[in-house]
Amino acid sequence: MLVVEGLVKRFGGFTAVNNVSFRVAQGEILGLIGPNGSGKSTIFNMLSGTFRPSAGSMKFAGDEISGLAPHRIINRGIGRTFQIPRPFHRLTIFENVALAGYFGQGRHSRSKAEDAAERALAMVGLPTDRATEVDGLGAAGLKKLELAKALATGPKLLLADESLGGLDETEMDQAADMLRKIRDELGITIIWVEHIMGVLMRVVDRVMVLDHGEKISEGLPSQVSSDPRVVEVYLGTDADATQAVATKARR
C-alpha cells in the first residue's frame, strides 16, 4: 500500500530524516517509535503533505504523493491524528467531525459528511447527537475526537500520532484496543507513532525504530524489543523496563 524509499528532510543545514525506507502492507499496523527528535513526526508531516521531502519517494497505492497538498493527500485516502487535539470549541463534537468529513468522504456534500461523522463517532464511542459540546471532553475524549475526525475523512491509511499521550493506564489499553478494532472492523491500515512502547508492542504487527533521523531497527515486536541498538537508544540501561517491554511483546 505504502512504499517509502530514501526519504530525506533537511531544514537548512540540519537533516531531520536521513535516507529512511520502509513499506506498509494493506491491513497492517506498523509501530513507529524512537526518542524525541528522532524524526517520527517529520515523517508523518511528509506523508500528510505538511512538509515536502528534500529527497526520496513516497508512493501510496502505486501513485507518487511527494509534494501533494494536504487536502489532496486526504482525498487519496491518508488521514491523520495529531499529538495535541485542537478542536473548534465553538462547534459541537458532531460539527467538528462532520467538518473533517466534509473535506474527506463528503467531498463538499453535507449529507455525506454528516453520515461519515455519525459512523466515525459511533466507532470511537462518542455521542452522535448534534448538540454535545466539546468542552465536556477529558483527555481520553479528546483523543477519541481526534480519531473520529480522521476516520470521517474516509482513510485507507491512518497516521495515528501519539494516541496514548495524557491517558491513564486503563485509558491507554482502551485506546490501543480501539486502534486494533479500527484495523480489524474497518480494514484501515495504520502507522502508529507512540512513546508508550509496552502498550504499542502488544498491538502492532511490526515495529520500526528511528534515532537521529535514521532507521536503526525494523521487525516483529519481539525482535525489535530485544535489539541491543533499541535497548541502548530507546530504553537506556533500565533492565526492568527492557524486560517488561519484551514480555508484553511476546504476549
Protein backbone atom coordinates (compact mmCIF):
# COMPACT_ATOMS: atom_id res chain seq x y z
CA MET A 1 0.00 0.00 0.00
CA LEU A 2 2.73 2.48 1.01
CA VAL A 3 6.29 2.38 -0.31
CA VAL A 4 8.80 4.91 1.03
CA GLU A 5 12.30 4.95 -0.43
CA GLY A 6 15.29 7.07 0.53
CA LEU A 7 13.23 9.69 2.35
CA VAL A 8 15.18 12.79 3.39
CA LYS A 9 14.09 16.02 5.07
CA ARG A 10 16.50 18.89 5.64
CA PHE A 11 15.85 22.15 7.43
CA GLY A 12 18.72 24.36 6.34
CA GLY A 13 21.87 22.56 7.43
CA PHE A 14 20.01 20.18 9.77
CA THR A 15 18.91 16.76 8.49
CA ALA A 16 15.82 15.64 10.40
CA VAL A 17 15.22 12.46 8.36
CA ASN A 18 18.05 10.75 6.56
CA ASN A 19 17.58 8.07 3.89
CA VAL A 20 14.65 6.23 5.51
CA SER A 21 12.97 3.46 3.53
CA PHE A 22 10.07 1.23 4.56
CA ARG A 23 6.91 -0.43 3.29
CA VAL A 24 3.47 -0.88 4.80
CA ALA A 25 1.19 -3.67 3.59
CA GLN A 26 -2.57 -3.28 3.37
CA GLY A 27 -4.23 -4.20 6.68
CA GLU A 28 -1.03 -3.91 8.69
CA ILE A 29 -0.37 -1.93 11.87
CA LEU A 30 3.17 -0.57 11.85
CA GLY A 31 4.53 0.92 15.06
CA LEU A 32 6.94 3.84 14.63
CA ILE A 33 8.99 4.56 17.74
CA GLY A 34 12.09 6.42 18.81
CA PRO A 35 13.27 9.16 21.19
CA ASN A 36 12.13 12.76 20.94
CA GLY A 37 13.68 14.39 17.90
CA SER A 38 14.24 11.11 16.08
CA GLY A 39 12.17 12.11 13.04
CA LYS A 40 8.83 10.40 13.67
CA SER A 41 6.62 13.48 13.40
CA THR A 42 8.66 14.78 10.47
CA ILE A 43 7.87 11.58 8.57
CA PHE A 44 4.18 11.98 9.41
CA ASN A 45 4.29 15.59 8.23
CA MET A 46 5.76 14.49 4.91
CA LEU A 47 3.27 11.65 4.47
CA SER A 48 0.36 14.01 5.19
CA GLY A 49 1.63 16.79 2.92
CA THR A 50 2.60 19.35 5.56
CA PHE A 51 6.29 19.07 4.63
CA ARG A 52 7.74 18.48 1.19
CA PRO A 53 10.55 15.87 1.21
CA SER A 54 14.04 17.10 0.38
CA ALA A 55 14.70 13.82 -1.41
CA GLY A 56 13.24 10.36 -1.82
CA SER A 57 9.96 8.85 -2.94
CA MET A 58 6.61 8.20 -1.26
CA LYS A 59 4.18 6.04 -3.22
CA PHE A 60 0.67 5.34 -1.97
CA ALA A 61 -1.43 2.75 -3.81
CA GLY A 62 1.11 2.95 -6.63
CA ASP A 63 0.98 6.74 -7.05
CA GLU A 64 3.68 9.24 -6.07
CA ILE A 65 2.38 11.58 -3.36
CA SER A 66 5.53 13.60 -2.64
CA GLY A 67 4.73 17.30 -2.87
CA LEU A 68 0.95 16.94 -2.92
CA ALA A 69 -1.02 19.41 -0.80
CA PRO A 70 -2.58 18.03 2.42
CA HIS A 71 -6.15 18.16 1.10
CA ARG A 72 -5.15 16.15 -1.97
CA ILE A 73 -3.45 13.55 0.21
CA ILE A 74 -6.58 13.31 2.36
CA ASN A 75 -8.62 12.75 -0.79
CA ARG A 76 -6.20 10.00 -1.84
CA GLY A 77 -7.06 8.17 1.39
CA ILE A 78 -4.48 9.14 4.03
CA GLY A 79 -5.84 10.56 7.28
CA ARG A 80 -4.03 11.53 10.45
CA THR A 81 -4.45 12.46 14.07
CA PHE A 82 -2.32 14.96 15.98
CA GLN A 83 -0.46 14.67 19.28
CA ILE A 84 -2.28 17.65 20.79
CA PRO A 85 -6.01 17.80 19.97
CA ARG A 86 -7.13 21.27 18.90
CA PRO A 87 -10.87 21.06 18.25
CA PHE A 88 -13.01 24.03 17.32
CA HIS A 89 -14.60 24.86 20.67
CA ARG A 90 -17.36 26.91 19.07
CA LEU A 91 -18.51 23.78 17.26
CA THR A 92 -20.15 20.74 18.84
CA ILE A 93 -18.49 17.34 18.84
CA PHE A 94 -20.60 16.31 15.86
CA GLU A 95 -19.83 19.51 13.94
CA ASN A 96 -16.08 19.06 14.46
CA VAL A 97 -16.20 15.57 12.99
CA ALA A 98 -18.61 16.50 10.18
CA LEU A 99 -16.25 19.30 9.16
CA ALA A 100 -13.45 16.77 8.79
CA GLY A 101 -15.78 14.53 6.81
CA TYR A 102 -16.64 17.42 4.52
CA PHE A 103 -13.02 17.57 3.35
CA GLY A 104 -12.72 13.80 3.09
CA GLN A 105 -15.52 11.41 2.30
CA GLY A 106 -18.06 14.20 1.98
CA ARG A 107 -16.27 15.91 -0.88
CA HIS A 108 -18.41 19.04 -0.43
CA SER A 109 -21.62 17.11 0.28
CA ARG A 110 -23.17 17.95 3.64
CA SER A 111 -25.23 14.77 3.86
CA LYS A 112 -22.25 12.54 3.11
CA ALA A 113 -20.10 14.43 5.61
CA GLU A 114 -22.75 14.03 8.31
CA ASP A 115 -23.16 10.33 7.55
CA ALA A 116 -19.38 9.92 7.83
CA ALA A 117 -19.39 11.79 11.15
CA GLU A 118 -22.10 9.55 12.60
CA ARG A 119 -20.21 6.39 11.64
CA ALA A 120 -16.91 7.71 12.98
CA LEU A 121 -18.38 8.87 16.30
CA ALA A 122 -20.16 5.55 16.80
CA MET A 123 -16.92 3.68 16.11
CA VAL A 124 -14.94 5.54 18.80
CA GLY A 125 -17.78 5.67 21.32
CA LEU A 126 -18.58 9.39 21.34
CA PRO A 127 -22.11 10.91 21.25
CA THR A 128 -23.64 11.10 17.78
CA ASP A 129 -26.18 13.81 18.61
CA ARG A 130 -25.77 17.30 17.18
CA ALA A 131 -25.69 19.19 20.49
CA THR A 132 -22.98 17.78 22.80
CA GLU A 133 -20.24 20.35 23.41
CA VAL A 134 -16.51 19.72 23.08
CA ASP A 135 -15.71 21.43 26.39
CA GLY A 136 -17.02 18.46 28.40
CA LEU A 137 -14.43 16.08 26.99
CA GLY A 138 -11.46 14.95 29.08
CA ALA A 139 -8.11 13.76 27.74
CA ALA A 140 -9.46 10.38 26.62
CA GLY A 141 -12.46 12.01 24.97
CA LEU A 142 -10.29 14.45 23.04
CA LYS A 143 -8.14 11.59 21.78
CA LYS A 144 -11.31 9.83 20.62
CA LEU A 145 -12.40 13.03 18.89
CA GLU A 146 -9.07 13.13 17.03
CA LEU A 147 -9.63 9.55 15.86
CA ALA A 148 -13.21 10.30 14.82
CA LYS A 149 -12.13 13.31 12.77
CA ALA A 150 -9.52 11.23 10.98
CA LEU A 151 -11.96 8.38 10.36
CA ALA A 152 -14.56 10.76 8.95
CA THR A 153 -12.19 11.62 6.10
CA GLY A 154 -12.51 8.01 4.90
CA PRO A 155 -8.87 6.92 5.16
CA LYS A 156 -7.38 3.78 3.74
CA LEU A 157 -4.23 4.58 5.72
CA LEU A 158 -4.42 6.17 9.19
CA LEU A 159 -1.44 8.01 10.69
CA ALA A 160 -2.04 7.82 14.45
CA ASP A 161 0.23 10.30 16.26
CA GLU A 162 0.68 9.52 19.97
CA SER A 163 -2.85 8.36 20.69
CA LEU A 164 -1.92 7.46 24.29
CA GLY A 165 -0.47 10.79 25.44
CA GLY A 166 -2.03 12.11 28.65
CA LEU A 167 -4.07 8.96 29.35
CA ASP A 168 -4.04 6.74 32.42
CA GLU A 169 -3.22 3.03 32.20
CA THR A 170 -6.79 1.88 31.66
CA GLU A 171 -7.42 4.56 29.03
CA MET A 172 -4.18 3.60 27.27
CA ASP A 173 -5.30 0.00 26.94
CA GLN A 174 -8.70 1.11 25.66
CA ALA A 175 -7.13 3.45 23.08
CA ALA A 176 -4.77 0.72 21.89
CA ASP A 177 -7.67 -1.72 21.57
CA MET A 178 -9.57 0.93 19.59
CA LEU A 179 -6.78 1.16 17.01
CA ARG A 180 -6.82 -2.60 16.59
CA LYS A 181 -10.63 -2.51 16.25
CA ILE A 182 -10.34 0.15 13.54
CA ARG A 183 -7.99 -2.12 11.60
CA ASP A 184 -9.98 -5.31 12.18
CA GLU A 185 -13.50 -3.95 11.57
CA LEU A 186 -12.88 -1.18 9.03
CA GLY A 187 -9.87 -2.68 7.24
CA ILE A 188 -7.85 0.51 7.69
CA THR A 189 -4.07 0.23 7.58
CA ILE A 190 -2.33 2.08 10.43
CA ILE A 191 1.05 3.63 11.15
CA TRP A 192 1.19 4.39 14.86
CA VAL A 193 3.74 6.77 16.40
CA GLU A 194 3.94 6.26 20.14
CA HIS A 195 6.25 6.69 23.15
CA ILE A 196 4.42 4.17 25.36
CA MET A 197 6.33 1.25 23.93
CA GLY A 198 4.94 -1.53 26.13
CA VAL A 199 1.32 -0.90 25.08
CA LEU A 200 2.20 -0.41 21.42
CA MET A 201 4.12 -3.69 21.25
CA ARG A 202 1.07 -5.84 22.02
CA VAL A 203 -0.99 -4.31 19.19
CA VAL A 204 1.28 -3.74 16.20
CA ASP A 205 2.34 -6.28 13.59
CA ARG A 206 5.77 -4.75 13.01
CA VAL A 207 7.90 -2.01 14.55
CA MET A 208 10.32 0.49 13.01
CA VAL A 209 12.72 2.41 15.24
CA LEU A 210 14.27 5.78 14.42
CA ASP A 211 17.19 7.55 16.05
CA HIS A 212 18.60 10.91 14.94
CA GLY A 213 16.56 10.69 11.73
CA GLU A 214 17.79 7.25 10.69
CA LYS A 215 16.19 3.83 10.82
CA ILE A 216 18.12 1.65 13.28
CA SER A 217 15.81 -1.37 13.58
CA GLU A 218 12.74 -2.92 11.98
CA GLY A 219 10.92 -6.19 12.51
CA LEU A 220 8.49 -8.10 14.71
CA PRO A 221 7.85 -6.64 18.17
CA SER A 222 9.71 -9.48 19.88
CA GLN A 223 12.72 -8.95 17.62
CA VAL A 224 12.86 -5.18 17.98
CA SER A 225 12.38 -5.21 21.76
CA SER A 226 15.48 -7.37 22.15
CA ASP A 227 17.63 -5.49 19.61
CA PRO A 228 20.67 -4.12 21.51
CA ARG A 229 20.53 -0.88 19.50
CA VAL A 230 16.96 -0.26 20.57
CA VAL A 231 17.71 -1.09 24.19
CA GLU A 232 20.63 1.32 24.19
CA VAL A 233 18.97 4.20 22.34
CA TYR A 234 15.33 3.95 23.34
CA LEU A 235 15.23 2.21 26.71
CA GLY A 236 18.67 3.11 28.04
CA THR A 237 20.15 0.80 30.64
CA ASP A 238 16.96 0.12 32.64
CA ALA A 239 16.93 -3.68 32.68
CA ASP A 240 13.48 -3.86 34.33
CA ALA A 241 11.93 -1.68 31.64
CA THR A 242 13.59 -3.74 28.92
CA GLN A 243 12.23 -6.98 30.39
CA ALA A 244 8.72 -5.53 30.74
CA VAL A 245 8.62 -4.49 27.10
CA ALA A 246 9.98 -7.82 25.90
CA THR A 247 7.34 -9.66 27.97
CA LYS A 248 4.47 -7.62 26.53
CA ALA A 249 5.81 -8.11 23.01
CA ARG A 250 5.69 -11.88 23.41
CA ARG A 251 2.04 -11.91 24.57
